[in-house]
C-alpha cells in the first residue's frame, strides 16, 4: 500500500511517477523499496489517468452509503426495542427483590 501512497504523493506534488522517484519517496519515508514492486507499480500506472481514477473512486462509496445507513437505522431501532424490554424485566426483577427485603 505504501507504494500506491508514494505514487499518489508524487502525482499530487506534480512529479513524474517513475522508478527512481517512487524509490526516493519510499526511502524518504523510512522504508526499503522493493525493486519488483516499484517496477510493477510504475508499469501498472503507465496508462492510467490518476485524476479520473481518484474522481471515480471518490464517487462510488457515496452511492453505497445511504443503503448502509438505512440498514443501520433499522438495526439500531431493533436494538433499542430489545434494550427497553431488557430494562423493563430488570426493573421488575429489582422491584420483586426489594419487596422480598421488606416483606
PDB file of N, CA and C in Angstrom:
ATOM      1  N   UNK A   1       0.827  -1.189   0.000  1.00  0.00           N
ATOM      2  CA  UNK A   1       0.000   0.000   0.000  1.00  0.00           C
ATOM      3  C   UNK A   1       0.871   1.252   0.000  1.00  0.00           C
ATOM      4  N   UNK A   2       2.027   1.178   0.655  1.00  0.00           N
ATOM      5  CA  UNK A   2       2.894   2.352   0.707  1.00  0.00           C
ATOM      6  C   UNK A   2       3.366   2.773  -0.682  1.00  0.00           C
ATOM      7  N   UNK A   3       3.432   1.839  -1.618  1.00  0.00           N
ATOM      8  CA  UNK A   3       3.845   2.163  -2.979  1.00  0.00           C
ATOM      9  C   UNK A   3       2.770   2.984  -3.685  1.00  0.00           C
ATOM     10  N   UNK A   4       1.531   2.645  -3.462  1.00  0.00           N
ATOM     11  CA  UNK A   4       0.423   3.408  -4.044  1.00  0.00           C
ATOM     12  C   UNK A   4       0.387   4.802  -3.426  1.00  0.00           C
ATOM     13  N   UNK A   5       0.587   4.875  -2.109  1.00  0.00           N
ATOM     14  CA  UNK A   5       0.626   6.175  -1.448  1.00  0.00           C
ATOM     15  C   UNK A   5       1.757   7.030  -1.996  1.00  0.00           C
ATOM     16  N   UNK A   6       2.903   6.421  -2.224  1.00  0.00           N
ATOM     17  CA  UNK A   6       4.039   7.145  -2.788  1.00  0.00           C
ATOM     18  C   UNK A   6       3.680   7.703  -4.158  1.00  0.00           C
ATOM     19  N   UNK A   7       3.038   6.885  -4.982  1.00  0.00           N
ATOM     20  CA  UNK A   7       2.643   7.340  -6.321  1.00  0.00           C
ATOM     21  C   UNK A   7       1.639   8.483  -6.234  1.00  0.00           C
ATOM     22  N   UNK A   8       0.693   8.395  -5.307  1.00  0.00           N
ATOM     23  CA  UNK A   8      -0.296   9.458  -5.151  1.00  0.00           C
ATOM     24  C   UNK A   8       0.369  10.747  -4.680  1.00  0.00           C
ATOM     25  N   UNK A   9       1.333  10.639  -3.791  1.00  0.00           N
ATOM     26  CA  UNK A   9       2.054  11.809  -3.299  1.00  0.00           C
ATOM     27  C   UNK A   9       2.843  12.465  -4.430  1.00  0.00           C
ATOM     28  N   UNK A  10       3.528  11.652  -5.212  1.00  0.00           N
ATOM     29  CA  UNK A  10       4.284  12.180  -6.348  1.00  0.00           C
ATOM     30  C   UNK A  10       3.338  12.871  -7.326  1.00  0.00           C
ATOM     31  N   UNK A  11       2.213  12.249  -7.604  1.00  0.00           N
ATOM     32  CA  UNK A  11       1.228  12.838  -8.518  1.00  0.00           C
ATOM     33  C   UNK A  11       0.715  14.167  -7.978  1.00  0.00           C
ATOM     34  N   UNK A  12       0.369  14.194  -6.702  1.00  0.00           N
ATOM     35  CA  UNK A  12      -0.172  15.411  -6.081  1.00  0.00           C
ATOM     36  C   UNK A  12       0.847  16.542  -6.113  1.00  0.00           C
ATOM     37  N   UNK A  13       2.138  16.195  -5.973  1.00  0.00           N
ATOM     38  CA  UNK A  13       3.197  17.197  -5.998  1.00  0.00           C
ATOM     39  C   UNK A  13       3.551  17.625  -7.421  1.00  0.00           C
ATOM     40  N   UNK A  14       2.953  16.962  -8.406  1.00  0.00           N
ATOM     41  CA  UNK A  14       3.186  17.339  -9.789  1.00  0.00           C
ATOM     42  C   UNK A  14       4.400  16.675 -10.405  1.00  0.00           C
ATOM     43  N   UNK A  15       4.936  15.664  -9.751  1.00  0.00           N
ATOM     44  CA  UNK A  15       6.110  14.971 -10.265  1.00  0.00           C
ATOM     45  C   UNK A  15       5.745  13.853 -11.213  1.00  0.00           C
ATOM     46  N   UNK A  16       6.782  13.302 -11.836  1.00  0.00           N
ATOM     47  CA  UNK A  16       6.597  12.178 -12.747  1.00  0.00           C
ATOM     48  C   UNK A  16       6.746  10.886 -11.963  1.00  0.00           C
ATOM     49  N   UNK A  17       5.790   9.979 -12.130  1.00  0.00           N
ATOM     50  CA  UNK A  17       5.838   8.705 -11.419  1.00  0.00           C
ATOM     51  C   UNK A  17       6.716   7.748 -12.215  1.00  0.00           C
ATOM     52  N   UNK A  18       7.975   7.660 -11.785  1.00  0.00           N
ATOM     53  CA  UNK A  18       8.904   6.714 -12.388  1.00  0.00           C
ATOM     54  C   UNK A  18       9.607   5.952 -11.264  1.00  0.00           C
ATOM     55  N   UNK A  19      10.389   4.965 -11.622  1.00  0.00           N
ATOM     56  CA  UNK A  19      11.002   4.082 -10.618  1.00  0.00           C
ATOM     57  C   UNK A  19      11.875   4.850  -9.632  1.00  0.00           C
ATOM     58  N   UNK A  20      12.711   5.748 -10.126  1.00  0.00           N
ATOM     59  CA  UNK A  20      13.620   6.485  -9.242  1.00  0.00           C
ATOM     60  C   UNK A  20      12.862   7.346  -8.237  1.00  0.00           C
ATOM     61  N   UNK A  21      11.822   8.014  -8.696  1.00  0.00           N
ATOM     62  CA  UNK A  21      11.052   8.897  -7.814  1.00  0.00           C
ATOM     63  C   UNK A  21      10.306   8.099  -6.751  1.00  0.00           C
ATOM     64  N   UNK A  22       9.710   6.986  -7.139  1.00  0.00           N
ATOM     65  CA  UNK A  22       8.988   6.156  -6.166  1.00  0.00           C
ATOM     66  C   UNK A  22       9.968   5.617  -5.124  1.00  0.00           C
ATOM     67  N   UNK A  23      11.139   5.163  -5.564  1.00  0.00           N
ATOM     68  CA  UNK A  23      12.149   4.656  -4.629  1.00  0.00           C
ATOM     69  C   UNK A  23      12.577   5.737  -3.649  1.00  0.00           C
ATOM     70  N   UNK A  24      12.761   6.963  -4.147  1.00  0.00           N
ATOM     71  CA  UNK A  24      13.176   8.071  -3.283  1.00  0.00           C
ATOM     72  C   UNK A  24      12.115   8.374  -2.225  1.00  0.00           C
ATOM     73  N   UNK A  25      10.848   8.343  -2.630  1.00  0.00           N
ATOM     74  CA  UNK A  25       9.768   8.634  -1.682  1.00  0.00           C
ATOM     75  C   UNK A  25       9.684   7.539  -0.616  1.00  0.00           C
ATOM     76  N   UNK A  26       9.748   6.281  -1.030  1.00  0.00           N
ATOM     77  CA  UNK A  26       9.704   5.174  -0.070  1.00  0.00           C
ATOM     78  C   UNK A  26      10.890   5.267   0.886  1.00  0.00           C
ATOM     79  N   UNK A  27      12.059   5.547   0.358  1.00  0.00           N
ATOM     80  CA  UNK A  27      13.262   5.653   1.192  1.00  0.00           C
ATOM     81  C   UNK A  27      13.153   6.845   2.154  1.00  0.00           C
ATOM     82  N   UNK A  28      12.637   7.979   1.656  1.00  0.00           N
ATOM     83  CA  UNK A  28      12.476   9.169   2.493  1.00  0.00           C
ATOM     84  C   UNK A  28      11.497   8.925   3.635  1.00  0.00           C
ATOM     85  N   UNK A  29      10.541   8.026   3.412  1.00  0.00           N
ATOM     86  CA  UNK A  29       9.551   7.712   4.448  1.00  0.00           C
ATOM     87  C   UNK A  29      10.077   6.682   5.446  1.00  0.00           C
ATOM     88  N   UNK A  30      11.320   6.231   5.228  1.00  0.00           N
ATOM     89  CA  UNK A  30      11.914   5.295   6.178  1.00  0.00           C
ATOM     90  C   UNK A  30      11.789   3.842   5.770  1.00  0.00           C
ATOM     91  N   UNK A  31      11.312   3.578   4.563  1.00  0.00           N
ATOM     92  CA  UNK A  31      11.149   2.205   4.095  1.00  0.00           C
ATOM     93  C   UNK A  31      12.297   1.788   3.188  1.00  0.00           C
ATOM     94  N   UNK A  32      12.305   0.509   2.892  1.00  0.00           N
ATOM     95  CA  UNK A  32      13.274  -0.033   1.947  1.00  0.00           C
ATOM     96  C   UNK A  32      12.500  -0.445   0.704  1.00  0.00           C
ATOM     97  N   UNK A  33      12.695   0.269  -0.404  1.00  0.00           N
ATOM     98  CA  UNK A  33      11.919  -0.040  -1.605  1.00  0.00           C
ATOM     99  C   UNK A  33      12.288  -1.392  -2.203  1.00  0.00           C
ATOM    100  N   UNK A  34      11.281  -2.114  -2.643  1.00  0.00           N
ATOM    101  CA  UNK A  34      11.456  -3.396  -3.318  1.00  0.00           C
ATOM    102  C   UNK A  34      11.394  -3.124  -4.826  1.00  0.00           C
ATOM    103  N   UNK A  35      12.478  -3.443  -5.527  1.00  0.00           N
ATOM    104  CA  UNK A  35      12.566  -3.140  -6.960  1.00  0.00           C
ATOM    105  C   UNK A  35      11.414  -3.748  -7.749  1.00  0.00           C
ATOM    106  N   UNK A  36      11.023  -4.967  -7.420  1.00  0.00           N
ATOM    107  CA  UNK A  36       9.936  -5.626  -8.143  1.00  0.00           C
ATOM    108  C   UNK A  36       8.616  -4.912  -7.976  1.00  0.00           C
ATOM    109  N   UNK A  37       8.327  -4.500  -6.757  1.00  0.00           N
ATOM    110  CA  UNK A  37       7.066  -3.789  -6.503  1.00  0.00           C
ATOM    111  C   UNK A  37       7.059  -2.419  -7.172  1.00  0.00           C
ATOM    112  N   UNK A  38       8.216  -1.756  -7.139  1.00  0.00           N
ATOM    113  CA  UNK A  38       8.313  -0.436  -7.760  1.00  0.00           C
ATOM    114  C   UNK A  38       8.078  -0.560  -9.265  1.00  0.00           C
ATOM    115  N   UNK A  39       8.730  -1.528  -9.892  1.00  0.00           N
ATOM    116  CA  UNK A  39       8.563  -1.723 -11.334  1.00  0.00           C
ATOM    117  C   UNK A  39       7.113  -2.074 -11.669  1.00  0.00           C
ATOM    118  N   UNK A  40       6.490  -2.927 -10.876  1.00  0.00           N
ATOM    119  CA  UNK A  40       5.104  -3.316 -11.112  1.00  0.00           C
ATOM    120  C   UNK A  40       4.174  -2.117 -10.984  1.00  0.00           C
ATOM    121  N   UNK A  41       4.404  -1.283  -9.975  1.00  0.00           N
ATOM    122  CA  UNK A  41       3.566  -0.104  -9.776  1.00  0.00           C
ATOM    123  C   UNK A  41       3.685   0.854 -10.944  1.00  0.00           C
ATOM    124  N   UNK A  42       4.916   1.154 -11.338  1.00  0.00           N
ATOM    125  CA  UNK A  42       5.138   2.095 -12.438  1.00  0.00           C
ATOM    126  C   UNK A  42       4.522   1.554 -13.730  1.00  0.00           C
ATOM    127  N   UNK A  43       4.674   0.256 -13.979  1.00  0.00           N
ATOM    128  CA  UNK A  43       4.083  -0.346 -15.175  1.00  0.00           C
ATOM    129  C   UNK A  43       2.558  -0.301 -15.127  1.00  0.00           C
ATOM    130  N   UNK A  44       1.988  -0.550 -13.948  1.00  0.00           N
ATOM    131  CA  UNK A  44       0.531  -0.554 -13.811  1.00  0.00           C
ATOM    132  C   UNK A  44      -0.052   0.845 -13.989  1.00  0.00           C
ATOM    133  N   UNK A  45       0.682   1.866 -13.586  1.00  0.00           N
ATOM    134  CA  UNK A  45       0.181   3.235 -13.664  1.00  0.00           C
ATOM    135  C   UNK A  45       0.565   3.936 -14.959  1.00  0.00           C
ATOM    136  N   UNK A  46       1.252   3.246 -15.837  1.00  0.00           N
ATOM    137  CA  UNK A  46       1.763   3.847 -17.060  1.00  0.00           C
ATOM    138  C   UNK A  46       0.676   4.510 -17.899  1.00  0.00           C
ATOM    139  N   UNK A  47      -0.447   3.864 -18.112  1.00  0.00           N
ATOM    140  CA  UNK A  47      -1.516   4.404 -18.963  1.00  0.00           C
ATOM    141  C   UNK A  47      -2.757   4.806 -18.176  1.00  0.00           C
ATOM    142  N   UNK A  48      -2.607   5.060 -16.882  1.00  0.00           N
ATOM    143  CA  UNK A  48      -3.751   5.385 -16.032  1.00  0.00           C
ATOM    144  C   UNK A  48      -3.858   6.896 -15.850  1.00  0.00           C
ATOM    145  N   UNK A  49      -5.063   7.420 -16.036  1.00  0.00           N
ATOM    146  CA  UNK A  49      -5.331   8.818 -15.722  1.00  0.00           C
ATOM    147  C   UNK A  49      -5.674   8.873 -14.230  1.00  0.00           C
ATOM    148  N   UNK A  50      -4.706   9.268 -13.441  1.00  0.00           N
ATOM    149  CA  UNK A  50      -4.855   9.207 -11.979  1.00  0.00           C
ATOM    150  C   UNK A  50      -5.968  10.136 -11.494  1.00  0.00           C
ATOM    151  N   UNK A  51      -6.089  11.316 -12.065  1.00  0.00           N
ATOM    152  CA  UNK A  51      -7.156  12.237 -11.658  1.00  0.00           C
ATOM    153  C   UNK A  51      -8.531  11.611 -11.876  1.00  0.00           C
ATOM    154  N   UNK A  52      -8.723  10.972 -13.005  1.00  0.00           N
ATOM    155  CA  UNK A  52     -10.012  10.326 -13.297  1.00  0.00           C
ATOM    156  C   UNK A  52     -10.251   9.160 -12.347  1.00  0.00           C
ATOM    157  N   UNK A  53      -9.199   8.408 -12.046  1.00  0.00           N
ATOM    158  CA  UNK A  53      -9.335   7.275 -11.127  1.00  0.00           C
ATOM    159  C   UNK A  53      -9.706   7.746  -9.727  1.00  0.00           C
ATOM    160  N   UNK A  54      -9.107   8.826  -9.284  1.00  0.00           N
ATOM    161  CA  UNK A  54      -9.424   9.369  -7.957  1.00  0.00           C
ATOM    162  C   UNK A  54     -10.865   9.872  -7.928  1.00  0.00           C
ATOM    163  N   UNK A  55     -11.263  10.562  -8.993  1.00  0.00           N
ATOM    164  CA  UNK A  55     -12.635  11.083  -9.063  1.00  0.00           C
ATOM    165  C   UNK A  55     -13.656   9.949  -9.055  1.00  0.00           C
ATOM    166  N   UNK A  56     -13.401   8.904  -9.847  1.00  0.00           N
ATOM    167  CA  UNK A  56     -14.315   7.759  -9.895  1.00  0.00           C
ATOM    168  C   UNK A  56     -14.354   7.021  -8.572  1.00  0.00           C
ATOM    169  N   UNK A  57     -13.221   6.894  -7.923  1.00  0.00           N
ATOM    170  CA  UNK A  57     -13.160   6.173  -6.649  1.00  0.00           C
ATOM    171  C   UNK A  57     -13.878   6.938  -5.552  1.00  0.00           C
ATOM    172  N   UNK A  58     -13.828   8.252  -5.580  1.00  0.00           N
ATOM    173  CA  UNK A  58     -14.472   9.025  -4.522  1.00  0.00           C
ATOM    174  C   UNK A  58     -15.980   9.089  -4.693  1.00  0.00           C
ATOM    175  N   UNK A  59     -16.497   8.806  -5.863  1.00  0.00           N
ATOM    176  CA  UNK A  59     -17.941   8.841  -6.107  1.00  0.00           C
ATOM    177  C   UNK A  59     -18.597   7.532  -5.695  1.00  0.00           C
ATOM    178  N   UNK A  60     -17.958   6.411  -5.905  1.00  0.00           N
ATOM    179  CA  UNK A  60     -18.570   5.100  -5.669  1.00  0.00           C
ATOM    180  C   UNK A  60     -19.015   4.880  -4.222  1.00  0.00           C
ATOM    181  N   UNK A  61     -18.210   5.158  -3.194  1.00  0.00           N
ATOM    182  CA  UNK A  61     -18.670   4.897  -1.828  1.00  0.00           C
ATOM    183  C   UNK A  61     -19.864   5.760  -1.415  1.00  0.00           C
ATOM    184  N   UNK A  62     -20.013   6.931  -1.972  1.00  0.00           N
ATOM    185  CA  UNK A  62     -21.118   7.806  -1.608  1.00  0.00           C
ATOM    186  C   UNK A  62     -22.453   7.164  -1.988  1.00  0.00           C
ATOM    187  N   UNK A  63     -22.509   6.482  -3.114  1.00  0.00           N
ATOM    188  CA  UNK A  63     -23.745   5.841  -3.554  1.00  0.00           C
ATOM    189  C   UNK A  63     -24.138   4.701  -2.625  1.00  0.00           C
ATOM    190  N   UNK A  64     -23.173   4.024  -2.045  1.00  0.00           N
ATOM    191  CA  UNK A  64     -23.464   2.895  -1.168  1.00  0.00           C
ATOM    192  C   UNK A  64     -23.809   3.336   0.251  1.00  0.00           C
ATOM    193  N   UNK A  65     -23.438   4.527   0.626  1.00  0.00           N
ATOM    194  CA  UNK A  65     -23.631   4.981   1.998  1.00  0.00           C
ATOM    195  C   UNK A  65     -25.095   5.001   2.439  1.00  0.00           C
ATOM    196  N   UNK A  66     -26.042   5.535   1.655  1.00  0.00           N
ATOM    197  CA  UNK A  66     -27.427   5.559   2.129  1.00  0.00           C
ATOM    198  C   UNK A  66     -28.002   4.169   2.387  1.00  0.00           C
ATOM    199  N   UNK A  67     -27.620   3.190   1.596  1.00  0.00           N
ATOM    200  CA  UNK A  67     -28.117   1.837   1.793  1.00  0.00           C
ATOM    201  C   UNK A  67     -27.640   1.302   3.137  1.00  0.00           C
ATOM    202  N   UNK A  68     -26.376   1.500   3.436  1.00  0.00           N
ATOM    203  CA  UNK A  68     -25.832   1.033   4.713  1.00  0.00           C
ATOM    204  C   UNK A  68     -26.457   1.794   5.873  1.00  0.00           C
ATOM    205  N   UNK A  69     -26.727   3.065   5.667  1.00  0.00           N
ATOM    206  CA  UNK A  69     -27.296   3.893   6.720  1.00  0.00           C
ATOM    207  C   UNK A  69     -28.710   3.447   7.070  1.00  0.00           C
ATOM    208  N   UNK A  70     -29.509   3.130   6.071  1.00  0.00           N
ATOM    209  CA  UNK A  70     -30.886   2.689   6.314  1.00  0.00           C
ATOM    210  C   UNK A  70     -30.879   1.401   7.111  1.00  0.00           C
ATOM    211  N   UNK A  71     -30.018   0.461   6.741  1.00  0.00           N
ATOM    212  CA  UNK A  71     -29.930  -0.792   7.475  1.00  0.00           C
ATOM    213  C   UNK A  71     -29.484  -0.565   8.906  1.00  0.00           C
ATOM    214  N   UNK A  72     -28.608   0.398   9.086  1.00  0.00           N
ATOM    215  CA  UNK A  72     -28.120   0.725  10.418  1.00  0.00           C
ATOM    216  C   UNK A  72     -29.214   1.276  11.301  1.00  0.00           C
ATOM    217  N   UNK A  73     -30.107   2.084  10.716  1.00  0.00           N
ATOM    218  CA  UNK A  73     -31.210   2.646  11.499  1.00  0.00           C
ATOM    219  C   UNK A  73     -32.167   1.549  11.954  1.00  0.00           C
ATOM    220  N   UNK A  74     -32.438   0.617  11.068  1.00  0.00           N
ATOM    221  CA  UNK A  74     -33.352  -0.468  11.421  1.00  0.00           C
ATOM    222  C   UNK A  74     -32.748  -1.326  12.533  1.00  0.00           C
ATOM    223  N   UNK A  75     -31.458  -1.608  12.409  1.00  0.00           N
ATOM    224  CA  UNK A  75     -30.795  -2.406  13.442  1.00  0.00           C
ATOM    225  C   UNK A  75     -30.747  -1.648  14.759  1.00  0.00           C
ATOM    226  N   UNK A  76     -30.516  -0.340  14.699  1.00  0.00           N
ATOM    227  CA  UNK A  76     -30.467   0.459  15.918  1.00  0.00           C
ATOM    228  C   UNK A  76     -31.840   0.507  16.586  1.00  0.00           C
ATOM    229  N   UNK A  77     -32.901   0.654  15.790  1.00  0.00           N
ATOM    230  CA  UNK A  77     -34.254   0.695  16.345  1.00  0.00           C
ATOM    231  C   UNK A  77     -34.597  -0.632  17.003  1.00  0.00           C
ATOM    232  N   UNK A  78     -34.204  -1.728  16.355  1.00  0.00           N
ATOM    233  CA  UNK A  78     -34.474  -3.047  16.933  1.00  0.00           C
ATOM    234  C   UNK A  78     -33.679  -3.237  18.220  1.00  0.00           C
ATOM    235  N   UNK A  79     -32.440  -2.744  18.222  1.00  0.00           N
ATOM    236  CA  UNK A  79     -31.603  -2.845  19.420  1.00  0.00           C
ATOM    237  C   UNK A  79     -32.188  -2.058  20.578  1.00  0.00           C
ATOM    238  N   UNK A  80     -32.751  -0.873  20.279  1.00  0.00           N
ATOM    239  CA  UNK A  80     -33.378  -0.056  21.314  1.00  0.00           C
ATOM    240  C   UNK A  80     -34.601  -0.765  21.884  1.00  0.00           C
ATOM    241  N   UNK A  81     -35.374  -1.407  21.003  1.00  0.00           N
ATOM    242  CA  UNK A  81     -36.575  -2.125  21.439  1.00  0.00           C
ATOM    243  C   UNK A  81     -36.182  -3.245  22.388  1.00  0.00           C
ATOM    244  N   UNK A  82     -35.133  -3.998  22.016  1.00  0.00           N
ATOM    245  CA  UNK A  82     -34.671  -5.087  22.873  1.00  0.00           C
ATOM    246  C   UNK A  82     -34.149  -4.538  24.194  1.00  0.00           C
ATOM    247  N   UNK A  83     -33.451  -3.422  24.155  1.00  0.00           N
ATOM    248  CA  UNK A  83     -32.926  -2.813  25.377  1.00  0.00           C
ATOM    249  C   UNK A  83     -34.053  -2.416  26.317  1.00  0.00           C
ATOM    250  N   UNK A  84     -35.132  -1.829  25.774  1.00  0.00           N
ATOM    251  CA  UNK A  84     -36.259  -1.418  26.610  1.00  0.00           C
ATOM    252  C   UNK A  84     -36.896  -2.632  27.277  1.00  0.00           C
ATOM    253  N   UNK A  85     -37.013  -3.733  26.523  1.00  0.00           N
ATOM    254  CA  UNK A  85     -37.593  -4.945  27.097  1.00  0.00           C
ATOM    255  C   UNK A  85     -36.693  -5.497  28.197  1.00  0.00           C
ATOM    256  N   UNK A  86     -35.384  -5.478  27.976  1.00  0.00           N
ATOM    257  CA  UNK A  86     -34.449  -5.963  28.989  1.00  0.00           C
ATOM    258  C   UNK A  86     -34.505  -5.078  30.226  1.00  0.00           C
ATOM    259  N   UNK A  87     -34.557  -3.741  30.021  1.00  0.00           N
ATOM    260  CA  UNK A  87     -34.627  -2.818  31.151  1.00  0.00           C
ATOM    261  C   UNK A  87     -35.924  -3.010  31.925  1.00  0.00           C
ATOM    262  N   UNK A  88     -37.022  -3.265  31.219  1.00  0.00           N
ATOM    263  CA  UNK A  88     -38.301  -3.466  31.874  1.00  0.00           C
ATOM    264  C   UNK A  88     -38.238  -4.714  32.754  1.00  0.00           C
ATOM    265  N   UNK A  89     -37.691  -5.792  32.233  1.00  0.00           N
ATOM    266  CA  UNK A  89     -37.547  -7.014  33.004  1.00  0.00           C
ATOM    267  C   UNK A  89     -36.632  -6.774  34.200  1.00  0.00           C
ATOM    268  N   UNK A  90     -35.548  -6.048  33.981  1.00  0.00           N
ATOM    269  CA  UNK A  90     -34.622  -5.783  35.064  1.00  0.00           C
ATOM    270  C   UNK A  90     -35.284  -4.964  36.167  1.00  0.00           C
ATOM    271  N   UNK A  91     -36.100  -3.989  35.793  1.00  0.00           N
ATOM    272  CA  UNK A  91     -36.784  -3.160  36.778  1.00  0.00           C
ATOM    273  C   UNK A  91     -37.795  -3.997  37.568  1.00  0.00           C
ATOM    274  N   UNK A  92     -38.522  -4.900  36.871  1.00  0.00           N
ATOM    275  CA  UNK A  92     -39.487  -5.760  37.555  1.00  0.00           C
ATOM    276  C   UNK A  92     -38.775  -6.718  38.504  1.00  0.00           C
ATOM    277  N   UNK A  93     -37.642  -7.267  38.052  1.00  0.00           N
ATOM    278  CA  UNK A  93     -36.887  -8.176  38.906  1.00  0.00           C
ATOM    279  C   UNK A  93     -36.348  -7.450  40.135  1.00  0.00           C
ATOM    280  N   UNK A  94     -35.876  -6.211  39.917  1.00  0.00           N
ATOM    281  CA  UNK A  94     -35.348  -5.431  41.037  1.00  0.00           C
ATOM    282  C   UNK A  94     -36.454  -5.117  42.041  1.00  0.00           C
ATOM    283  N   UNK A  95     -37.650  -4.769  41.537  1.00  0.00           N
ATOM    284  CA  UNK A  95     -38.767  -4.461  42.434  1.00  0.00           C
ATOM    285  C   UNK A  95     -39.169  -5.712  43.228  1.00  0.00           C
ATOM    286  N   UNK A  96     -39.144  -6.849  42.563  1.00  0.00           N
ATOM    287  CA  UNK A  96     -39.509  -8.087  43.259  1.00  0.00           C
ATOM    288  C   UNK A  96     -38.481  -8.381  44.345  1.00  0.00           C
ATOM    289  N   UNK A  97     -37.239  -8.137  44.055  1.00  0.00           N
ATOM    290  CA  UNK A  97     -36.182  -8.366  45.041  1.00  0.00           C
ATOM    291  C   UNK A  97     -36.316  -7.430  46.221  1.00  0.00           C
ATOM    292  N   UNK A  98     -36.679  -6.180  45.972  1.00  0.00           N
ATOM    293  CA  UNK A  98     -36.850  -5.218  47.058  1.00  0.00           C
ATOM    294  C   UNK A  98     -38.058  -5.585  47.907  1.00  0.00           C
ATOM    295  N   UNK A  99     -39.120  -6.063  47.265  1.00  0.00           N
ATOM    296  CA  UNK A  99     -40.307  -6.485  48.005  1.00  0.00           C
ATOM    297  C   UNK A  99     -39.993  -7.602  48.982  1.00  0.00           C
ATOM    298  N   UNK A 100     -39.097  -8.493  48.588  1.00  0.00           N
ATOM    299  CA  UNK A 100     -38.726  -9.597  49.457  1.00  0.00           C
ATOM    300  C   UNK A 100     -37.970  -9.084  50.675  1.00  0.00           C
ATOM    301  N   UNK A 101     -37.248  -8.022  50.517  1.00  0.00           N
ATOM    302  CA  UNK A 101     -36.491  -7.469  51.643  1.00  0.00           C
ATOM    303  C   UNK A 101     -37.428  -6.875  52.696  1.00  0.00           C
ATOM    304  N   UNK A 102     -38.536  -6.251  52.233  1.00  0.00           N
ATOM    305  CA  UNK A 102     -39.406  -5.559  53.161  1.00  0.00           C
ATOM    306  C   UNK A 102     -40.651  -6.366  53.512  1.00  0.00           C
ATOM    307  N   UNK A 103     -40.709  -7.571  53.039  1.00  0.00           N
ATOM    308  CA  UNK A 103     -41.651  -8.474  53.436  1.00  0.00           C
ATOM    309  C   UNK A 103     -42.998  -8.641  53.079  1.00  0.00           C
TER     310      UNK A 103
END
